[in-house]
Amino acid sequence: METTATYQPFNETQLHLLRMFAFTKTEQTLQDMKKVLRDFYIQQVEKEVDKYQLGDHLLNEHLRTPYR
């Protein structure tokens, strides 16, 4: 069975990362770069989670005018 791969060019982010990783000379440098990227994406996910938690808070909040 023959598999055919479709060519998809790299986007700008992928190209930039490839250029950066080309300068990686040591295992420690590689690990440091991976940590930076991991921390960045963790921060992005936390921002998204915070948005949804704020939304959930608003959904559960009683916003009608109280009757006295």
PDB file of N, CA and C in Angstrom:
ATOM      1  N   MET A   1       0.833  -1.176   0.000  1.00  0.00           N
ATOM      2  CA  MET A   1       0.000   0.000   0.000  1.00  0.00           C
ATOM      3  C   MET A   1       0.881   1.245   0.000  1.00  0.00           C
ATOM      4  N   GLU A   2       0.630   2.116  -0.913  1.00  0.00           N
ATOM      5  CA  GLU A   2       1.428   3.331  -1.036  1.00  0.00           C
ATOM      6  C   GLU A   2       0.732   4.489  -0.328  1.00  0.00           C
ATOM      7  N   THR A   3       1.488   5.223   0.457  1.00  0.00           N
ATOM      8  CA  THR A   3       0.918   6.398   1.125  1.00  0.00           C
ATOM      9  C   THR A   3       1.415   7.649   0.422  1.00  0.00           C
ATOM     10  N   THR A   4       0.532   8.572   0.265  1.00  0.00           N
ATOM     11  CA  THR A   4       0.879   9.820  -0.388  1.00  0.00           C
ATOM     12  C   THR A   4       0.800  10.944   0.627  1.00  0.00           C
ATOM     13  N   ALA A   5       1.894  11.669   0.784  1.00  0.00           N
ATOM     14  CA  ALA A   5       1.921  12.802   1.698  1.00  0.00           C
ATOM     15  C   ALA A   5       1.593  14.063   0.917  1.00  0.00           C
ATOM     16  N   THR A   6       0.742  14.876   1.488  1.00  0.00           N
ATOM     17  CA  THR A   6       0.447  16.149   0.840  1.00  0.00           C
ATOM     18  C   THR A   6       1.395  17.199   1.407  1.00  0.00           C
ATOM     19  N   TYR A   7       1.890  18.042   0.547  1.00  0.00           N
ATOM     20  CA  TYR A   7       2.840  19.072   0.938  1.00  0.00           C
ATOM     21  C   TYR A   7       2.086  20.256   1.522  1.00  0.00           C
ATOM     22  N   GLN A   8       2.448  20.619   2.721  1.00  0.00           N
ATOM     23  CA  GLN A   8       1.895  21.810   3.350  1.00  0.00           C
ATOM     24  C   GLN A   8       3.075  22.659   3.806  1.00  0.00           C
ATOM     25  N   PRO A   9       3.207  23.843   3.248  1.00  0.00           N
ATOM     26  CA  PRO A   9       4.360  24.678   3.633  1.00  0.00           C
ATOM     27  C   PRO A   9       4.277  25.080   5.103  1.00  0.00           C
ATOM     28  N   PHE A  10       5.438  25.315   5.671  1.00  0.00           N
ATOM     29  CA  PHE A  10       5.497  25.753   7.064  1.00  0.00           C
ATOM     30  C   PHE A  10       4.930  27.164   7.175  1.00  0.00           C
ATOM     31  N   ASN A  11       4.277  27.420   8.307  1.00  0.00           N
ATOM     32  CA  ASN A  11       3.829  28.792   8.556  1.00  0.00           C
ATOM     33  C   ASN A  11       4.994  29.584   9.157  1.00  0.00           C
ATOM     34  N   GLU A  12       4.794  30.876   9.366  1.00  0.00           N
ATOM     35  CA  GLU A  12       5.875  31.737   9.843  1.00  0.00           C
ATOM     36  C   GLU A  12       6.409  31.323  11.215  1.00  0.00           C
ATOM     37  N   THR A  13       5.537  30.909  12.094  1.00  0.00           N
ATOM     38  CA  THR A  13       5.967  30.469  13.426  1.00  0.00           C
ATOM     39  C   THR A  13       6.854  29.237  13.325  1.00  0.00           C
ATOM     40  N   GLN A  14       6.444  28.273  12.512  1.00  0.00           N
ATOM     41  CA  GLN A  14       7.228  27.054  12.350  1.00  0.00           C
ATOM     42  C   GLN A  14       8.598  27.358  11.756  1.00  0.00           C
ATOM     43  N   LEU A  15       8.642  28.234  10.768  1.00  0.00           N
ATOM     44  CA  LEU A  15       9.923  28.603  10.154  1.00  0.00           C
ATOM     45  C   LEU A  15      10.836  29.287  11.163  1.00  0.00           C
ATOM     46  N   HIS A  16      10.267  30.178  11.957  1.00  0.00           N
ATOM     47  CA  HIS A  16      11.069  30.874  12.966  1.00  0.00           C
ATOM     48  C   HIS A  16      11.650  29.891  13.977  1.00  0.00           C
ATOM     49  N   LEU A  17      10.830  28.956  14.433  1.00  0.00           N
ATOM     50  CA  LEU A  17      11.308  27.964  15.397  1.00  0.00           C
ATOM     51  C   LEU A  17      12.386  27.071  14.780  1.00  0.00           C
ATOM     52  N   LEU A  18      12.226  26.684  13.536  1.00  0.00           N
ATOM     53  CA  LEU A  18      13.249  25.876  12.872  1.00  0.00           C
ATOM     54  C   LEU A  18      14.581  26.633  12.798  1.00  0.00           C
ATOM     55  N   ARG A  19      14.503  27.911  12.496  1.00  0.00           N
ATOM     56  CA  ARG A  19      15.742  28.708  12.436  1.00  0.00           C
ATOM     57  C   ARG A  19      16.395  28.809  13.814  1.00  0.00           C
ATOM     58  N   MET A  20      15.573  29.001  14.841  1.00  0.00           N
ATOM     59  CA  MET A  20      16.118  29.089  16.197  1.00  0.00           C
ATOM     60  C   MET A  20      16.751  27.766  16.620  1.00  0.00           C
ATOM     61  N   PHE A  21      16.071  26.661  16.376  1.00  0.00           N
ATOM     62  CA  PHE A  21      16.588  25.360  16.790  1.00  0.00           C
ATOM     63  C   PHE A  21      17.831  24.961  16.002  1.00  0.00           C
ATOM     64  N   ALA A  22      18.042  25.570  14.859  1.00  0.00           N
ATOM     65  CA  ALA A  22      19.251  25.272  14.081  1.00  0.00           C
ATOM     66  C   ALA A  22      20.512  25.701  14.834  1.00  0.00           C
ATOM     67  N   PHE A  23      20.386  26.658  15.753  1.00  0.00           N
ATOM     68  CA  PHE A  23      21.530  27.138  16.515  1.00  0.00           C
ATOM     69  C   PHE A  23      21.748  26.364  17.810  1.00  0.00           C
ATOM     70  N   THR A  24      20.897  25.417  18.091  1.00  0.00           N
ATOM     71  CA  THR A  24      21.008  24.635  19.325  1.00  0.00           C
ATOM     72  C   THR A  24      22.208  23.708  19.227  1.00  0.00           C
ATOM     73  N   LYS A  25      23.162  23.910  20.120  1.00  0.00           N
ATOM     74  CA  LYS A  25      24.388  23.114  20.077  1.00  0.00           C
ATOM     75  C   LYS A  25      24.481  22.090  21.205  1.00  0.00           C
ATOM     76  N   THR A  26      23.792  22.339  22.298  1.00  0.00           N
ATOM     77  CA  THR A  26      23.895  21.427  23.438  1.00  0.00           C
ATOM     78  C   THR A  26      22.516  20.938  23.862  1.00  0.00           C
ATOM     79  N   GLU A  27      22.523  19.847  24.565  1.00  0.00           N
ATOM     80  CA  GLU A  27      21.281  19.291  25.100  1.00  0.00           C
ATOM     81  C   GLU A  27      20.647  20.265  26.093  1.00  0.00           C
ATOM     82  N   GLN A  28      21.470  20.949  26.873  1.00  0.00           N
ATOM     83  CA  GLN A  28      20.946  21.903  27.856  1.00  0.00           C
ATOM     84  C   GLN A  28      20.233  23.069  27.168  1.00  0.00           C
ATOM     85  N   THR A  29      20.798  23.543  26.071  1.00  0.00           N
ATOM     86  CA  THR A  29      20.160  24.622  25.321  1.00  0.00           C
ATOM     87  C   THR A  29      18.814  24.168  24.776  1.00  0.00           C
ATOM     88  N   LEU A  30      18.778  22.956  24.263  1.00  0.00           N
ATOM     89  CA  LEU A  30      17.520  22.398  23.765  1.00  0.00           C
ATOM     90  C   LEU A  30      16.480  22.323  24.878  1.00  0.00           C
ATOM     91  N   GLN A  31      16.876  21.825  26.033  1.00  0.00           N
ATOM     92  CA  GLN A  31      15.949  21.719  27.155  1.00  0.00           C
ATOM     93  C   GLN A  31      15.459  23.094  27.601  1.00  0.00           C
ATOM     94  N   ASP A  32      16.361  24.073  27.615  1.00  0.00           N
ATOM     95  CA  ASP A  32      15.980  25.442  27.992  1.00  0.00           C
ATOM     96  C   ASP A  32      14.959  26.020  27.012  1.00  0.00           C
ATOM     97  N   MET A  33      15.189  25.815  25.729  1.00  0.00           N
ATOM     98  CA  MET A  33      14.264  26.325  24.715  1.00  0.00           C
ATOM     99  C   MET A  33      12.905  25.636  24.820  1.00  0.00           C
ATOM    100  N   LYS A  34      12.916  24.352  25.057  1.00  0.00           N
ATOM    101  CA  LYS A  34      11.650  23.628  25.233  1.00  0.00           C
ATOM    102  C   LYS A  34      10.876  24.152  26.431  1.00  0.00           C
ATOM    103  N   LYS A  35      11.605  24.453  27.500  1.00  0.00           N
ATOM    104  CA  LYS A  35      10.952  24.978  28.705  1.00  0.00           C
ATOM    105  C   LYS A  35      10.319  26.332  28.431  1.00  0.00           C
ATOM    106  N   VAL A  36      11.015  27.193  27.703  1.00  0.00           N
ATOM    107  CA  VAL A  36      10.467  28.507  27.364  1.00  0.00           C
ATOM    108  C   VAL A  36       9.177  28.357  26.562  1.00  0.00           C
ATOM    109  N   LEU A  37       9.201  27.492  25.568  1.00  0.00           N
ATOM    110  CA  LEU A  37       7.998  27.265  24.753  1.00  0.00           C
ATOM    111  C   LEU A  37       6.868  26.664  25.576  1.00  0.00           C
ATOM    112  N   ARG A  38       7.188  25.704  26.418  1.00  0.00           N
ATOM    113  CA  ARG A  38       6.176  25.068  27.264  1.00  0.00           C
ATOM    114  C   ARG A  38       5.548  26.088  28.204  1.00  0.00           C
ATOM    115  N   ASP A  39       6.378  26.910  28.824  1.00  0.00           N
ATOM    116  CA  ASP A  39       5.870  27.942  29.734  1.00  0.00           C
ATOM    117  C   ASP A  39       4.976  28.937  28.999  1.00  0.00           C
ATOM    118  N   PHE A  40       5.371  29.292  27.779  1.00  0.00           N
ATOM    119  CA  PHE A  40       4.562  30.213  26.984  1.00  0.00           C
ATOM    120  C   PHE A  40       3.175  29.614  26.719  1.00  0.00           C
ATOM    121  N   TYR A  41       3.131  28.366  26.285  1.00  0.00           N
ATOM    122  CA  TYR A  41       1.838  27.758  25.971  1.00  0.00           C
ATOM    123  C   TYR A  41       0.998  27.503  27.221  1.00  0.00           C
ATOM    124  N   ILE A  42       1.636  27.216  28.321  1.00  0.00           N
ATOM    125  CA  ILE A  42       0.903  27.077  29.583  1.00  0.00           C
ATOM    126  C   ILE A  42       0.245  28.408  29.936  1.00  0.00           C
ATOM    127  N   GLN A  43       0.977  29.482  29.772  1.00  0.00           N
ATOM    128  CA  GLN A  43       0.439  30.819  30.051  1.00  0.00           C
ATOM    129  C   GLN A  43      -0.760  31.119  29.138  1.00  0.00           C
ATOM    130  N   GLN A  44      -0.664  30.744  27.867  1.00  0.00           N
ATOM    131  CA  GLN A  44      -1.760  30.986  26.931  1.00  0.00           C
ATOM    132  C   GLN A  44      -3.013  30.192  27.327  1.00  0.00           C
ATOM    133  N   VAL A  45      -2.815  28.949  27.718  1.00  0.00           N
ATOM    134  CA  VAL A  45      -3.938  28.111  28.134  1.00  0.00           C
ATOM    135  C   VAL A  45      -4.582  28.671  29.401  1.00  0.00           C
ATOM    136  N   GLU A  46      -3.752  29.113  30.341  1.00  0.00           N
ATOM    137  CA  GLU A  46      -4.290  29.683  31.577  1.00  0.00           C
ATOM    138  C   GLU A  46      -5.126  30.927  31.298  1.00  0.00           C
ATOM    139  N   LYS A  47      -4.706  31.752  30.340  1.00  0.00           N
ATOM    140  CA  LYS A  47      -5.495  32.932  29.970  1.00  0.00           C
ATOM    141  C   LYS A  47      -6.861  32.521  29.432  1.00  0.00           C
ATOM    142  N   GLU A  48      -6.887  31.489  28.592  1.00  0.00           N
ATOM    143  CA  GLU A  48      -8.154  31.022  28.039  1.00  0.00           C
ATOM    144  C   GLU A  48      -9.051  30.444  29.126  1.00  0.00           C
ATOM    145  N   VAL A  49      -8.465  29.690  30.034  1.00  0.00           N
ATOM    146  CA  VAL A  49      -9.232  29.113  31.138  1.00  0.00           C
ATOM    147  C   VAL A  49      -9.814  30.224  32.000  1.00  0.00           C
ATOM    148  N   ASP A  50      -9.021  31.258  32.265  1.00  0.00           N
ATOM    149  CA  ASP A  50      -9.508  32.385  33.056  1.00  0.00           C
ATOM    150  C   ASP A  50     -10.709  33.047  32.390  1.00  0.00           C
ATOM    151  N   LYS A  51     -10.703  33.161  31.067  1.00  0.00           N
ATOM    152  CA  LYS A  51     -11.840  33.744  30.353  1.00  0.00           C
ATOM    153  C   LYS A  51     -13.105  32.930  30.599  1.00  0.00           C
ATOM    154  N   TYR A  52     -12.991  31.611  30.506  1.00  0.00           N
ATOM    155  CA  TYR A  52     -14.155  30.756  30.689  1.00  0.00           C
ATOM    156  C   TYR A  52     -14.628  30.740  32.133  1.00  0.00           C
ATOM    157  N   GLN A  53     -13.696  30.805  33.070  1.00  0.00           N
ATOM    158  CA  GLN A  53     -14.093  30.836  34.473  1.00  0.00           C
ATOM    159  C   GLN A  53     -14.833  32.124  34.779  1.00  0.00           C
ATOM    160  N   LEU A  54     -14.398  33.227  34.205  1.00  0.00           N
ATOM    161  CA  LEU A  54     -15.101  34.490  34.378  1.00  0.00           C
ATOM    162  C   LEU A  54     -16.496  34.382  33.768  1.00  0.00           C
ATOM    163  N   GLY A  55     -16.597  33.761  32.608  1.00  0.00           N
ATOM    164  CA  GLY A  55     -17.892  33.565  31.968  1.00  0.00           C
ATOM    165  C   GLY A  55     -18.811  32.711  32.811  1.00  0.00           C
ATOM    166  N   ASP A  56     -18.296  31.642  33.404  1.00  0.00           N
ATOM    167  CA  ASP A  56     -19.101  30.782  34.268  1.00  0.00           C
ATOM    168  C   ASP A  56     -19.589  31.543  35.483  1.00  0.00           C
ATOM    169  N   HIS A  57     -18.738  32.396  36.024  1.00  0.00           N
ATOM    170  CA  HIS A  57     -19.119  33.197  37.188  1.00  0.00           C
ATOM    171  C   HIS A  57     -20.296  34.104  36.826  1.00  0.00           C
ATOM    172  N   LEU A  58     -20.235  34.720  35.645  1.00  0.00           N
ATOM    173  CA  LEU A  58     -21.319  35.599  35.233  1.00  0.00           C
ATOM    174  C   LEU A  58     -22.607  34.831  34.976  1.00  0.00           C
ATOM    175  N   LEU A  59     -22.487  33.619  34.468  1.00  0.00           N
ATOM    176  CA  LEU A  59     -23.680  32.811  34.219  1.00  0.00           C
ATOM    177  C   LEU A  59     -24.388  32.432  35.514  1.00  0.00           C
ATOM    178  N   ASN A  60     -23.633  32.234  36.563  1.00  0.00           N
ATOM    179  CA  ASN A  60     -24.208  31.806  37.831  1.00  0.00           C
ATOM    180  C   ASN A  60     -24.615  32.974  38.726  1.00  0.00           C
ATOM    181  N   GLU A  61     -24.269  34.171  38.315  1.00  0.00           N
ATOM    182  CA  GLU A  61     -24.573  35.340  39.129  1.00  0.00           C
ATOM    183  C   GLU A  61     -26.013  35.785  38.885  1.00  0.00           C
ATOM    184  N   HIS A  62     -26.693  36.174  39.924  1.00  0.00           N
ATOM    185  CA  HIS A  62     -28.068  36.653  39.846  1.00  0.00           C
ATOM    186  C   HIS A  62     -28.038  38.134  39.507  1.00  0.00           C
ATOM    187  N   LEU A  63     -28.433  38.510  38.284  1.00  0.00           N
ATOM    188  CA  LEU A  63     -28.277  39.881  37.815  1.00  0.00           C
ATOM    189  C   LEU A  63     -29.587  40.684  37.824  1.00  0.00           C
ATOM    190  N   ARG A  64     -30.711  40.064  38.197  1.00  0.00           N
ATOM    191  CA  ARG A  64     -31.974  40.796  38.181  1.00  0.00           C
ATOM    192  C   ARG A  64     -32.044  41.812  39.319  1.00  0.00           C
ATOM    193  N   THR A  65     -32.835  42.805  39.120  1.00  0.00           N
ATOM    194  CA  THR A  65     -33.038  43.806  40.166  1.00  0.00           C
ATOM    195  C   THR A  65     -33.805  43.172  41.313  1.00  0.00           C
ATOM    196  N   PRO A  66     -33.291  43.291  42.526  1.00  0.00           N
ATOM    197  CA  PRO A  66     -33.995  42.681  43.659  1.00  0.00           C
ATOM    198  C   PRO A  66     -35.299  43.433  43.957  1.00  0.00           C
ATOM    199  N   TYR A  67     -36.314  42.653  44.311  1.00  0.00           N
ATOM    200  CA  TYR A  67     -37.580  43.262  44.714  1.00  0.00           C
ATOM    201  C   TYR A  67     -37.549  43.457  46.210  1.00  0.00           C
ATOM    202  N   ARG A  68     -38.045  44.588  46.666  1.00  0.00           N
ATOM    203  CA  ARG A  68     -38.006  44.875  48.100  1.00  0.00           C
ATOM    204  C   ARG A  68     -39.355  44.769  48.709  1.00  0.00           C
TER     205      ARG A  68
END
